[in-house]
C-alpha cells in the first residue's frame, strides 16, 4: 500500500487534511479518468496545489497508477523531525 506521509504539524493545523486529500484525489481521478496516467498525475498535482499541498509529479503518478490498478492509497501521519 502506498502511503503519503503527513506530518503531525500539518495534521494539527489542518485536522481535516486526510479527508481533504482523499476527496481531492478522488475528484482528480474521476475528472481525468479518460486521460493518460501522466495527464491525470498533472491534474492531481494541480488539484492538490489548490488546497495547499505540494507533492511531486512522480508521487502523483504513483497514486494514479495505484488507484487505476484497484489498489488503495493511505495517508499516514508521521512526526516532524522536531517530534522524534
Protein backbone atom coordinates (compact mmCIF):
# COMPACT_ATOMS: atom_id res chain seq x y z
CA UNK A 1 0.00 0.00 0.00
CA UNK A 2 1.36 3.41 -0.92
CA UNK A 3 1.44 5.81 1.97
CA UNK A 4 1.51 9.55 1.68
CA UNK A 5 3.12 10.95 4.79
CA UNK A 6 1.55 13.92 6.57
CA UNK A 7 3.42 15.45 9.46
CA UNK A 8 1.79 15.91 12.86
CA UNK A 9 2.33 19.65 12.50
CA UNK A 10 0.21 19.79 9.33
CA UNK A 11 -2.41 17.46 10.79
CA UNK A 12 -2.63 19.65 13.89
CA UNK A 13 -3.05 22.86 11.87
CA UNK A 14 -5.45 21.21 9.41
CA UNK A 15 -7.34 18.43 11.22
CA UNK A 16 -9.38 17.62 8.12
CA UNK A 17 -6.31 17.23 5.87
CA UNK A 18 -6.71 13.47 5.45
CA UNK A 19 -10.31 13.88 4.32
CA UNK A 20 -9.43 16.78 2.03
CA UNK A 21 -6.59 14.80 0.46
CA UNK A 22 -8.85 11.82 -0.12
CA UNK A 23 -11.70 13.89 -1.58
CA UNK A 24 -9.35 15.90 -3.81
CA UNK A 25 -7.59 12.76 -5.03
CA UNK A 26 -10.89 11.08 -5.89
CA UNK A 27 -12.12 14.23 -7.64
CA UNK A 28 -8.93 14.50 -9.73
CA UNK A 29 -9.01 10.82 -10.66
CA UNK A 30 -12.67 10.99 -11.67
CA UNK A 31 -12.10 14.17 -13.66
CA UNK A 32 -9.15 12.69 -15.53
CA UNK A 33 -10.35 9.11 -15.96
CA UNK A 34 -10.18 9.29 -19.77
CA UNK A 35 -6.68 10.82 -19.78
CA UNK A 36 -3.28 9.18 -19.76
CA UNK A 37 -1.70 8.45 -16.38
CA UNK A 38 0.78 11.31 -16.91
CA UNK A 39 -2.02 13.79 -17.65
CA UNK A 40 -4.02 12.51 -14.69
CA UNK A 41 -0.96 12.96 -12.45
CA UNK A 42 -0.70 16.59 -13.56
CA UNK A 43 -4.41 17.12 -12.82
CA UNK A 44 -3.94 15.57 -9.36
CA UNK A 45 -0.87 17.69 -8.64
CA UNK A 46 -2.74 20.85 -9.67
CA UNK A 47 -5.81 19.98 -7.57
CA UNK A 48 -3.66 19.21 -4.53
CA UNK A 49 -1.85 22.51 -5.05
CA UNK A 50 -5.23 24.26 -4.91
CA UNK A 51 -5.67 23.02 -1.33
CA UNK A 52 -2.09 23.95 -0.39
CA UNK A 53 -0.48 20.52 -0.72
CA UNK A 54 2.78 20.35 -2.66
CA UNK A 55 3.61 16.88 -3.96
CA UNK A 56 5.97 15.66 -6.65
CA UNK A 57 4.68 14.68 -10.06
CA UNK A 58 6.25 11.23 -9.55
CA UNK A 59 4.23 10.72 -6.35
CA UNK A 60 1.06 11.81 -8.14
CA UNK A 61 1.78 9.40 -10.99
CA UNK A 62 2.30 6.61 -8.47
CA UNK A 63 -1.03 7.46 -6.82
CA UNK A 64 -2.87 7.47 -10.14
CA UNK A 65 -1.35 4.15 -11.20
CA UNK A 66 -2.20 2.51 -7.87
CA UNK A 67 -5.80 3.68 -7.90
CA UNK A 68 -6.28 2.70 -11.52
CA UNK A 69 -4.95 -0.78 -10.77
CA UNK A 70 -7.50 -1.19 -7.97
CA UNK A 71 -5.11 -0.67 -5.07
CA UNK A 72 -5.68 1.65 -2.14
CA UNK A 73 -3.88 4.79 -1.07
CA UNK A 74 -3.29 5.54 2.57
CA UNK A 75 -2.50 8.91 4.08
CA UNK A 76 -0.29 8.39 7.14
CA UNK A 77 0.52 10.99 9.76
CA UNK A 78 4.13 10.97 10.93
CA UNK A 79 6.03 13.10 13.43
CA UNK A 80 8.06 16.06 12.21
CA UNK A 81 11.81 15.95 12.74
CA UNK A 82 11.33 18.03 15.91
CA UNK A 83 8.96 15.44 17.39
CA UNK A 84 11.36 12.46 17.06
